[in-house]
Every structure is written in structure tokens, then in C-alpha cells.
Amino acid sequence: MDEIRQKIRVAFDFPVHFTTGVFAAHNPLLASLITSDPGRGPADVLAVIDDGVARAHAGITDAVARYQAAHAHVFRLAGSVLVIPGGEACKTGTDTLDVVGRAIHQAALCRHSYVVAVGGGAMLDVVGYAAAIAHRGVRLIRVPTTVLAQDDSAVGVKNGINAFGVKNYLGTFAPPYAVINDAAFLTTLLDRDWLGGVSEAVKAALIRDAPFFDELERLAPAIVARDAAAMDVVVRRSAALHLAHIAQGGDPFETGSSRPLDFGHWAAHKLEQLTSHRLRHGEAVAIGIALDTTYACLVGLLSERDWHRITDLLIALRLAVYVPELGAHLDLPEHERSVLRGLEEFREHLGGQLTILLLRSIGQPVEVHEIDRSVMIRAIDVLRRIEDARLTGAAMAPVLAAALSGGTR
């Protein structure tokens, strides 16, 4: 047999910047990231803004126009600022994707042009996917506006939309040209979005950085009180941990069967679907973390002390650890409305052997390839008891002790 074999190595390099007031005319950051080919004049830029951001930050489209005018020698706006829907609904189906793709086409952008996307994680997923497949790649500058996007999703290399009832079924691995985290955008978030995004920081600390988990425990009251300095610590450290894993984890485009950054996500993705996205992604991740750490404790991997600390932190951050959909159809694990079906969907997304990340201790993960569904069902019941006690104001310590020791009610 004759063959010619080719091996290609491609290096990706993109910065993640931290600033305040990205569209203030005197802030040079965005303009400094934009370059154009010699002799072609200012670069073409399509600005796309999440409609939730446009509502919360009145006048942002005018601010973008003023910023461009102040830096007209660097770039020009390719048409009007495009405002599109945000939230998970925008990435379910292709409607919003088509709008962005058409705008890129009508603006006559090329692979040396830029799309500047300003919004939450779901909106950035859609715009990133459109930019990645237009001409096989238009330069994308992400300006994430939520805690979850700034500390996790926007600093990564994934883009995509939901299809066929499956989260992120269609998508690409396409690193951004740059990311700009502007702390000012976080000030208008609802409390649930301010707190929900912290779950991804908790996840990163649990699998990579035990001292950061200690710090999250210390900072929890300040985070709940919406202390900006505390949130800055959370976002910066979480973003750094995510970037380090992508760069040094050995599998940035997930060609294997393991994806450590999706700790707690097999259940989270399924719960988002089961709740018709009533649960935000960060809220679902908190429940997924609670579930997998409870399971790890019940099978003897994780100590009760560490399990208590993790559960206590999630509760201190006012994140739910249970919703009714978690307990539905547990006797039928293949039922499309059973969270246990999420295990197979998680395996299928990557292919190969089921690989679930659990914890031996805080900061020390371990991969397992089998899940005892009867123990997972018990873990779900433990979380139900905890959430019941939380809602009724019952003392938590005896509930936790009874939940771990006594099986199901």
C-alpha cells in the first residue's frame, strides 16, 4: 500500500484583556487590537450586540459609533451596528445564525475583517459560529458581558448552536482573535446571572486549584453582596485556569474522550434541556457539580469533609442544588426526560468510552468510565433533601448527616 502522510501543526495565540469602558473614546484597547493590510486603509468591522446588553446599557450603539469616529484611521464600521437576541433561545435553531451570516455577507467582510461581538455566552456562541464558517474564518473579537462568559466560555475556543434537541450539536473549534473583559458590563446583571456564573469558577477551582477554592469560600459573602473587587478576583483567576487548561491540557479541540473543563456538565446540559432553559447554564452547572461530588462521596472517592465544603459553598453562593426535573423518570434511565439519559448523550458528543470526571479531593480530579446508576439515584435524593431543608429553613447539618448515612427516604 502506498501513502503520503502529512502532519500539520498550527499554533494559536490570542490575548484576553481586562478593562473598564471598552467603548470610551479615550480607551485605546479595542483600536490597538485591530490591524489592516498596508495600502488598504482602515479595517472593516461589523459590530454585533446582544439585545439584552443594548437594553441594559442605553446608548451603547451610539457609543460604538463615537468610538469608531475617534479611531477612524484604524477601522470603519461595515454597516449599522447589528442588535440580535441573546439568551439560550438565540442558539436554538438557525434563525439568529442566518441573520449574522447574512450581515457578514452584506458587509462584504473578508478574512482580514473583524466581527466584534458584545454579549452573553449564548450570543457569543452564535456569532462565533457565524464568523468561523464565513469564508472559513473571519476574525472575531469577543466582548463578553456576563460573569459566566468572562470567566469561562468567552475565553475558550468553542462556538456553536443547539440542534436536534441537543446542546451545541453544531459548532466549531475556532479560537477568537482576542477577548476583552469589561467589568462595567457586569454591574447591570440580575443577581441570578451575577451568581450563576460563579459556578464555573467553582468548577475550575475544584479540578485545578485547591487554594482558589479556599479563596472562593472566603469571598462568598462579598460575592453575594455584589462586591466588584471580589468578582474581579473570581473572573480573572477562573479565566486564567480555563486558558491554562486549553493551552496545556494536551487536547484543546477535544479529539479524545475526556473533557475536564466539563466537570459537572453531563447533568447540567441535560437539565437545561429538561427545564426548557428555565435554568441558566451556570445554575445547571452548580447542580451538576453538586450531583457529581455527592456521587463521588457516596462511592467513597471524596471525603465527607470535602463534600460538606463544596455543598456549603454552593449554598453560600445561593445556588440551587436540585430542581424537580432532576428526580423525574429515574426508573427509566433511557427515557428522554430522565437526567440519566444525559450520560449517554455526554458520551455520544465526544464518542469513544464514557469518561466522567469526579473528585478524589478538592483540586484532585479522577476520571471514571462507569457510573453506578443506583448510587447516582441516591445522590439525587440526597440533593432533594438538602434543597427541601434549604427552602423550609431547616437546620442543614443534621440533614446533610442523615442524607449521607441513611439511603433514600
Protein backbone atom coordinates (compact mmCIF):
# COMPACT_ATOMS: atom_id res chain seq x y z
CA MET A 1 0.00 0.00 0.00
CA ASP A 2 1.27 3.42 -0.98
CA GLU A 3 0.58 6.53 1.06
CA ILE A 4 1.62 10.11 1.57
CA ARG A 5 1.21 11.21 5.14
CA GLN A 6 1.05 14.83 6.22
CA LYS A 7 1.37 16.21 9.74
CA ILE A 8 0.37 19.81 10.35
CA ARG A 9 0.99 21.85 13.49
CA VAL A 10 -0.93 25.08 13.90
CA ALA A 11 -0.19 27.47 16.76
CA PHE A 12 -2.97 29.70 18.09
CA ASP A 13 -2.24 32.84 20.07
CA PHE A 14 -4.90 35.20 21.37
CA PRO A 15 -4.96 37.68 24.24
CA VAL A 16 -7.57 38.11 26.98
CA HIS A 17 -7.64 41.72 28.14
CA PHE A 18 -9.25 43.24 31.23
CA THR A 19 -10.51 46.81 31.13
CA THR A 20 -13.37 49.14 32.05
CA GLY A 21 -15.20 51.24 29.49
CA VAL A 22 -14.11 49.47 26.33
CA PHE A 23 -16.08 51.87 24.11
CA ALA A 24 -14.95 55.07 25.83
CA ALA A 25 -13.28 57.15 23.12
CA HIS A 26 -10.13 57.60 25.23
CA ASN A 27 -9.69 53.83 25.78
CA PRO A 28 -7.21 52.66 23.11
CA LEU A 29 -7.56 48.91 23.76
CA LEU A 30 -10.02 47.82 21.07
CA ALA A 31 -8.41 50.00 18.40
CA SER A 32 -4.98 48.64 19.30
CA LEU A 33 -6.18 45.11 18.53
CA ILE A 34 -7.35 45.94 15.02
CA THR A 35 -4.87 45.91 12.16
CA SER A 36 -5.32 46.26 8.44
CA ASP A 37 -3.25 45.32 5.43
CA PRO A 38 -0.87 48.02 4.19
CA GLY A 39 -2.38 50.07 1.41
CA ARG A 40 -5.98 49.03 2.16
CA GLY A 41 -6.85 51.72 4.67
CA PRO A 42 -8.94 51.20 7.79
CA ALA A 43 -10.14 47.67 8.54
CA ASP A 44 -13.80 46.72 8.16
CA VAL A 45 -15.58 45.89 11.42
CA LEU A 46 -19.08 44.52 11.93
CA ALA A 47 -20.30 45.23 15.46
CA VAL A 48 -22.93 42.83 16.83
CA ILE A 49 -24.60 43.49 20.18
CA ASP A 50 -26.83 41.31 22.38
CA ASP A 51 -30.24 42.96 22.71
CA GLY A 52 -30.14 42.42 26.48
CA VAL A 53 -26.94 44.43 26.62
CA ALA A 54 -28.48 47.13 24.44
CA ARG A 55 -31.40 47.44 26.86
CA ALA A 56 -29.25 47.43 29.99
CA HIS A 57 -26.70 49.88 28.59
CA ALA A 58 -28.73 52.54 26.83
CA GLY A 59 -26.79 54.32 24.15
CA ILE A 60 -24.24 51.59 23.56
CA THR A 61 -24.78 51.61 19.79
CA ASP A 62 -24.08 55.35 19.78
CA ALA A 63 -21.02 54.76 21.94
CA VAL A 64 -19.70 52.27 19.39
CA ALA A 65 -20.22 54.83 16.62
CA ARG A 66 -18.42 57.54 18.63
CA TYR A 67 -15.57 55.16 19.35
CA GLN A 68 -15.18 54.40 15.66
CA ALA A 69 -15.19 58.10 14.84
CA ALA A 70 -12.41 58.66 17.36
CA HIS A 71 -10.37 55.86 15.77
CA ALA A 72 -11.41 56.30 12.14
CA HIS A 73 -7.83 55.91 10.96
CA VAL A 74 -7.84 52.34 12.32
CA PHE A 75 -11.24 50.92 11.36
CA ARG A 76 -14.60 51.70 9.83
CA LEU A 77 -17.97 50.21 10.69
CA ALA A 78 -19.25 47.91 7.96
CA GLY A 79 -22.87 48.96 8.12
CA SER A 80 -25.04 49.76 11.12
CA VAL A 81 -24.46 48.10 14.48
CA LEU A 82 -26.40 44.82 14.43
CA VAL A 83 -28.52 44.09 17.52
CA ILE A 84 -29.63 40.47 17.87
CA PRO A 85 -31.46 38.43 20.52
CA GLY A 86 -29.41 36.94 23.33
CA GLY A 87 -30.00 34.09 25.74
CA GLU A 88 -30.18 30.38 25.02
CA ALA A 89 -33.10 30.82 22.61
CA CYS A 90 -30.83 32.60 20.12
CA LYS A 91 -28.71 29.49 19.66
CA THR A 92 -31.62 27.07 19.32
CA GLY A 93 -32.15 26.69 15.60
CA THR A 94 -30.51 28.67 12.82
CA ASP A 95 -32.59 31.87 12.69
CA THR A 96 -30.10 34.08 14.52
CA LEU A 97 -27.16 32.36 12.87
CA ASP A 98 -28.65 33.20 9.46
CA VAL A 99 -29.13 36.85 10.44
CA VAL A 100 -25.49 37.20 11.46
CA GLY A 101 -24.22 35.27 8.45
CA ARG A 102 -26.24 37.45 6.11
CA ALA A 103 -24.90 40.60 7.79
CA ILE A 104 -21.32 39.39 7.35
CA HIS A 105 -22.03 38.73 3.68
CA GLN A 106 -23.80 42.06 3.07
CA ALA A 107 -20.97 43.93 4.78
CA ALA A 108 -18.55 42.27 2.32
CA LEU A 109 -16.26 41.22 5.13
CA CYS A 110 -13.19 39.19 4.27
CA ARG A 111 -10.81 37.10 6.32
CA HIS A 112 -8.86 40.26 7.21
CA SER A 113 -12.00 41.96 8.54
CA TYR A 114 -13.39 41.76 12.07
CA VAL A 115 -16.58 40.87 13.83
CA VAL A 116 -16.81 42.46 17.29
CA ALA A 117 -19.41 40.57 19.33
CA VAL A 118 -20.72 42.13 22.55
CA GLY A 119 -22.95 39.93 24.67
CA GLY A 120 -23.53 36.89 26.83
CA GLY A 121 -22.20 33.41 26.24
CA ALA A 122 -25.07 32.10 24.12
CA MET A 123 -24.98 35.10 21.80
CA LEU A 124 -21.19 34.83 21.51
CA ASP A 125 -21.58 31.16 20.58
CA VAL A 126 -23.86 32.04 17.67
CA VAL A 127 -21.83 34.97 16.39
CA GLY A 128 -18.62 33.00 16.81
CA TYR A 129 -20.06 30.14 14.77
CA ALA A 130 -21.16 32.52 12.01
CA ALA A 131 -17.73 34.19 11.93
CA ALA A 132 -15.96 30.82 11.90
CA ILE A 133 -17.84 29.47 8.89
CA ALA A 134 -17.96 32.69 6.83
CA HIS A 135 -15.05 32.43 4.38
CA ARG A 136 -13.90 29.63 6.73
CA GLY A 137 -12.97 32.23 9.29
CA VAL A 138 -13.44 35.96 9.85
CA ARG A 139 -11.52 37.48 12.76
CA LEU A 140 -13.65 37.53 15.91
CA ILE A 141 -13.16 39.83 18.89
CA ARG A 142 -15.33 38.77 21.82
CA VAL A 143 -16.55 41.29 24.39
CA PRO A 144 -18.35 39.08 26.94
CA THR A 145 -20.86 40.82 29.19
CA THR A 146 -21.76 38.17 31.79
CA VAL A 147 -19.80 36.57 34.61
CA LEU A 148 -20.11 33.15 33.01
CA ALA A 149 -18.87 34.38 29.65
CA GLN A 150 -15.99 36.36 31.13
CA ASP A 151 -14.76 33.64 33.48
CA ASP A 152 -15.33 30.65 31.18
CA SER A 153 -16.99 30.39 27.79
CA ALA A 154 -15.69 33.50 26.01
CA VAL A 155 -12.04 32.73 26.78
CA GLY A 156 -12.34 29.27 25.20
CA VAL A 157 -12.17 28.03 21.64
CA LYS A 158 -15.70 26.73 21.05
CA ASN A 159 -18.62 28.14 19.08
CA GLY A 160 -21.94 26.54 18.29
CA ILE A 161 -25.69 26.24 18.33
CA ASN A 162 -28.20 23.73 19.64
CA ALA A 163 -29.77 21.38 17.11
CA PHE A 164 -31.91 18.22 17.06
CA GLY A 165 -32.71 18.77 20.73
CA VAL A 166 -29.02 18.52 21.70
CA LYS A 167 -26.97 21.34 23.20
CA ASN A 168 -24.09 22.52 20.99
CA TYR A 169 -24.69 19.79 18.41
CA LEU A 170 -23.48 22.04 15.58
CA GLY A 171 -20.34 24.08 16.04
CA THR A 172 -16.66 24.67 15.51
CA PHE A 173 -13.41 24.89 17.37
CA ALA A 174 -12.24 28.36 16.34
CA PRO A 175 -10.16 30.46 18.72
CA PRO A 176 -11.06 34.17 18.83
CA TYR A 177 -8.74 36.87 17.59
CA ALA A 178 -8.95 38.50 21.02
CA VAL A 179 -11.16 38.72 24.12
CA ILE A 180 -11.93 41.89 26.07
CA ASN A 181 -13.41 41.50 29.56
CA ASP A 182 -15.01 44.82 30.54
CA ALA A 183 -16.02 44.82 34.21
CA ALA A 184 -18.55 47.61 33.66
CA PHE A 185 -20.91 45.27 31.86
CA LEU A 186 -21.30 43.10 34.97
CA THR A 187 -22.83 45.90 37.04
CA THR A 188 -26.25 45.59 35.38
CA LEU A 189 -26.62 41.81 35.68
CA LEU A 190 -29.51 40.31 37.58
CA ASP A 191 -28.45 38.63 40.82
CA ARG A 192 -29.05 35.18 39.35
CA ASP A 193 -26.65 35.90 36.48
CA TRP A 194 -24.09 37.53 38.77
CA LEU A 195 -24.08 34.44 41.00
CA GLY A 196 -24.80 31.76 38.40
CA GLY A 197 -21.60 32.46 36.51
CA VAL A 198 -19.53 31.83 39.63
CA SER A 199 -20.34 28.12 39.32
CA GLU A 200 -17.80 27.86 36.50
CA ALA A 201 -15.15 29.35 38.80
CA VAL A 202 -16.08 26.81 41.47
CA LYS A 203 -15.70 24.08 38.83
CA ALA A 204 -12.27 25.32 37.78
CA ALA A 205 -11.10 25.54 41.38
CA LEU A 206 -12.32 22.02 42.18
CA ILE A 207 -10.45 20.40 39.31
CA ARG A 208 -7.31 22.55 39.14
CA ASP A 209 -6.68 24.87 42.09
CA ALA A 210 -7.48 23.99 45.72
CA PRO A 211 -6.16 27.33 47.07
CA PHE A 212 -8.57 29.13 44.74
CA PHE A 213 -11.40 27.08 46.25
CA ASP A 214 -10.25 28.28 49.69
CA GLU A 215 -10.41 31.84 48.37
CA LEU A 216 -13.91 31.33 46.97
CA GLU A 217 -15.06 30.17 50.41
CA ARG A 218 -13.61 33.35 51.92
CA LEU A 219 -15.04 35.61 49.21
CA ALA A 220 -18.54 34.08 49.10
CA PRO A 221 -20.22 36.72 51.34
CA ALA A 222 -18.65 39.54 49.32
CA ILE A 223 -19.66 37.91 46.03
CA VAL A 224 -23.26 37.61 47.21
CA ALA A 225 -23.12 41.27 48.28
CA ARG A 226 -22.04 42.13 44.69
CA ASP A 227 -18.62 43.40 45.65
CA ALA A 228 -16.89 44.32 42.39
CA ALA A 229 -13.38 43.70 43.70
CA ALA A 230 -14.31 40.19 44.82
CA MET A 231 -15.84 39.43 41.44
CA ASP A 232 -12.75 40.72 39.68
CA VAL A 233 -10.67 38.16 41.57
CA VAL A 234 -13.11 35.41 40.61
CA VAL A 235 -13.25 36.30 36.91
CA ARG A 236 -9.51 36.77 36.45
CA ARG A 237 -8.48 33.57 38.25
CA SER A 238 -11.18 31.45 36.63
CA ALA A 239 -10.33 32.77 33.17
CA ALA A 240 -6.65 32.05 33.78
CA LEU A 241 -7.40 28.47 34.85
CA HIS A 242 -9.55 27.85 31.79
CA LEU A 243 -6.90 29.28 29.50
CA ALA A 244 -4.17 27.22 31.15
CA HIS A 245 -6.10 24.02 30.63
CA ILE A 246 -6.83 24.80 26.99
CA ALA A 247 -3.17 25.61 26.35
CA GLN A 248 -1.55 22.91 28.47
CA GLY A 249 -4.14 20.17 28.82
CA GLY A 250 -2.98 18.39 25.68
CA ASP A 251 -6.35 18.23 23.90
CA PRO A 252 -7.64 21.76 23.20
CA PHE A 253 -10.00 20.60 20.44
CA GLU A 254 -11.28 17.56 22.38
CA THR A 255 -10.19 14.84 19.98
CA GLY A 256 -10.19 12.27 22.80
CA SER A 257 -12.94 11.09 25.12
CA SER A 258 -12.06 13.31 28.06
CA ARG A 259 -13.02 16.93 28.66
CA PRO A 260 -12.08 18.00 32.22
CA LEU A 261 -13.50 21.51 31.82
CA ASP A 262 -16.93 19.91 31.53
CA PHE A 263 -16.85 18.62 35.10
CA GLY A 264 -20.47 18.54 36.28
CA HIS A 265 -21.73 19.25 32.77
CA TRP A 266 -23.20 15.90 31.74
CA ALA A 267 -26.15 16.54 34.04
CA ALA A 268 -26.08 20.32 33.51
CA HIS A 269 -26.58 20.08 29.76
CA LYS A 270 -29.44 17.63 30.20
CA LEU A 271 -31.09 19.79 32.89
CA GLU A 272 -31.01 22.83 30.63
CA GLN A 273 -32.92 20.80 28.06
CA LEU A 274 -35.33 19.27 30.60
CA THR A 275 -36.19 22.69 32.05
CA SER A 276 -36.62 24.22 28.57
CA HIS A 277 -33.73 26.50 29.58
CA ARG A 278 -35.57 27.86 32.61
CA LEU A 279 -32.25 27.06 34.25
CA ARG A 280 -29.42 29.27 33.11
CA HIS A 281 -26.25 27.38 32.18
CA GLY A 282 -24.39 28.44 35.32
CA GLU A 283 -27.30 27.39 37.53
CA ALA A 284 -27.40 23.99 35.85
CA VAL A 285 -23.64 23.60 36.28
CA ALA A 286 -23.98 24.23 40.02
CA ILE A 287 -26.48 21.37 40.24
CA GLY A 288 -24.22 19.16 38.12
CA ILE A 289 -21.28 19.86 40.43
CA ALA A 290 -23.42 19.10 43.47
CA LEU A 291 -24.58 15.85 41.89
CA ASP A 292 -21.18 14.55 40.85
CA THR A 293 -19.50 15.46 44.13
CA THR A 294 -22.31 13.80 46.09
CA TYR A 295 -21.93 10.68 43.95
CA ALA A 296 -18.17 10.72 44.49
CA CYS A 297 -18.71 10.91 48.23
CA LEU A 298 -21.25 8.06 48.24
CA VAL A 299 -18.92 5.73 46.33
CA GLY A 300 -16.03 6.52 48.66
CA LEU A 301 -13.88 8.64 46.37
CA LEU A 302 -14.43 12.02 48.03
CA SER A 303 -14.27 12.58 51.78
CA GLU A 304 -17.36 13.75 53.65
CA ARG A 305 -15.39 16.78 54.81
CA ASP A 306 -14.63 17.91 51.26
CA TRP A 307 -18.21 17.14 50.19
CA HIS A 308 -19.54 19.32 53.01
CA ARG A 309 -17.24 22.17 51.98
CA ILE A 310 -18.38 22.00 48.35
CA THR A 311 -22.06 21.80 49.26
CA ASP A 312 -21.71 24.60 51.79
CA LEU A 313 -20.03 26.86 49.22
CA LEU A 314 -22.77 26.32 46.63
CA ILE A 315 -25.39 27.10 49.26
CA ALA A 316 -23.43 30.15 50.46
CA LEU A 317 -23.45 31.40 46.85
CA ARG A 318 -27.25 30.95 46.81
CA LEU A 319 -27.08 28.38 44.04
CA ALA A 320 -29.72 25.66 43.95
CA VAL A 321 -28.54 22.04 44.15
CA TYR A 322 -31.79 20.43 43.00
CA VAL A 323 -34.75 21.03 40.70
CA PRO A 324 -37.73 18.68 40.27
CA GLU A 325 -36.64 17.66 36.78
CA LEU A 326 -33.56 16.06 38.32
CA GLY A 327 -35.74 13.46 40.01
CA ALA A 328 -38.03 12.58 37.10
CA HIS A 329 -38.12 9.16 35.37
CA LEU A 330 -35.19 7.76 37.31
CA ASP A 331 -36.63 4.25 36.98
CA LEU A 332 -36.26 4.59 33.20
CA PRO A 333 -32.69 5.77 32.57
CA GLU A 334 -33.15 5.75 28.78
CA HIS A 335 -36.29 7.90 28.98
CA GLU A 336 -35.75 11.12 27.04
CA ARG A 337 -36.95 13.08 30.09
CA SER A 338 -34.61 11.32 32.52
CA VAL A 339 -31.44 13.12 33.55
CA LEU A 340 -29.69 9.74 33.45
CA ARG A 341 -30.11 9.80 29.67
CA GLY A 342 -27.59 12.64 29.82
CA LEU A 343 -24.79 10.16 30.50
CA GLU A 344 -25.17 8.55 27.08
CA GLU A 345 -25.68 11.91 25.36
CA PHE A 346 -22.47 13.14 27.00
CA ARG A 347 -20.57 10.07 25.78
CA GLU A 348 -22.04 10.37 22.30
CA HIS A 349 -20.97 14.01 21.95
CA LEU A 350 -17.30 13.02 22.02
CA GLY A 351 -17.61 9.38 21.07
CA GLY A 352 -15.49 6.59 22.50
CA GLN A 353 -15.69 5.44 26.08
CA LEU A 354 -17.85 7.21 28.65
CA THR A 355 -15.48 9.46 30.59
CA ILE A 356 -16.75 11.35 33.62
CA LEU A 357 -14.53 13.49 35.82
CA LEU A 358 -15.03 13.05 39.57
CA LEU A 359 -13.01 14.22 42.57
CA ARG A 360 -10.70 12.39 44.96
CA SER A 361 -10.33 15.63 46.87
CA ILE A 362 -10.64 19.33 46.19
CA GLY A 363 -8.15 20.08 43.43
CA GLN A 364 -7.53 16.39 42.62
CA PRO A 365 -9.78 15.02 39.86
CA VAL A 366 -10.02 11.45 38.64
CA GLU A 367 -11.61 10.03 35.50
CA VAL A 368 -14.08 7.15 35.71
CA HIS A 369 -15.63 5.20 32.88
CA GLU A 370 -18.62 3.65 34.62
CA ILE A 371 -21.40 5.19 36.69
CA ASP A 372 -23.47 3.13 39.14
CA ARG A 373 -26.94 4.42 38.34
CA SER A 374 -28.39 3.21 41.65
CA VAL A 375 -25.84 5.30 43.55
CA MET A 376 -26.47 8.25 41.23
CA ILE A 377 -30.19 7.97 42.05
CA ARG A 378 -29.32 8.01 45.73
CA ALA A 379 -27.18 11.11 45.16
CA ILE A 380 -30.16 12.81 43.54
CA ASP A 381 -32.26 12.01 46.60
CA VAL A 382 -29.57 13.48 48.85
CA LEU A 383 -29.74 16.72 46.89
CA ARG A 384 -33.53 16.73 47.10
CA ARG A 385 -33.33 16.52 50.88
CA ILE A 386 -30.81 19.35 51.01
CA GLU A 387 -32.89 21.62 48.79
CA ASP A 388 -36.04 20.82 50.80
CA ALA A 389 -34.27 21.77 54.02
CA ARG A 390 -32.94 24.91 52.45
CA LEU A 391 -36.38 26.02 51.27
CA THR A 392 -38.04 25.26 54.60
CA GLY A 393 -35.29 26.79 56.71
CA ALA A 394 -34.45 23.52 58.46
CA ALA A 395 -31.05 23.14 60.09
CA MET A 396 -28.68 21.96 57.41
CA ALA A 397 -26.09 19.98 59.42
CA PRO A 398 -28.41 17.14 60.53
CA VAL A 399 -29.93 16.99 57.07
CA LEU A 400 -26.51 16.53 55.50
CA ALA A 401 -25.53 13.86 58.01
CA ALA A 402 -28.77 11.94 57.57
CA ALA A 403 -28.68 12.22 53.81
CA LEU A 404 -25.27 10.59 53.52
CA SER A 405 -25.83 7.89 56.11
CA GLY A 406 -29.36 6.69 55.56
CA GLY A 407 -30.01 5.92 51.90
CA THR A 408 -33.25 7.21 50.39
CA ARG A 409 -36.45 8.15 52.14
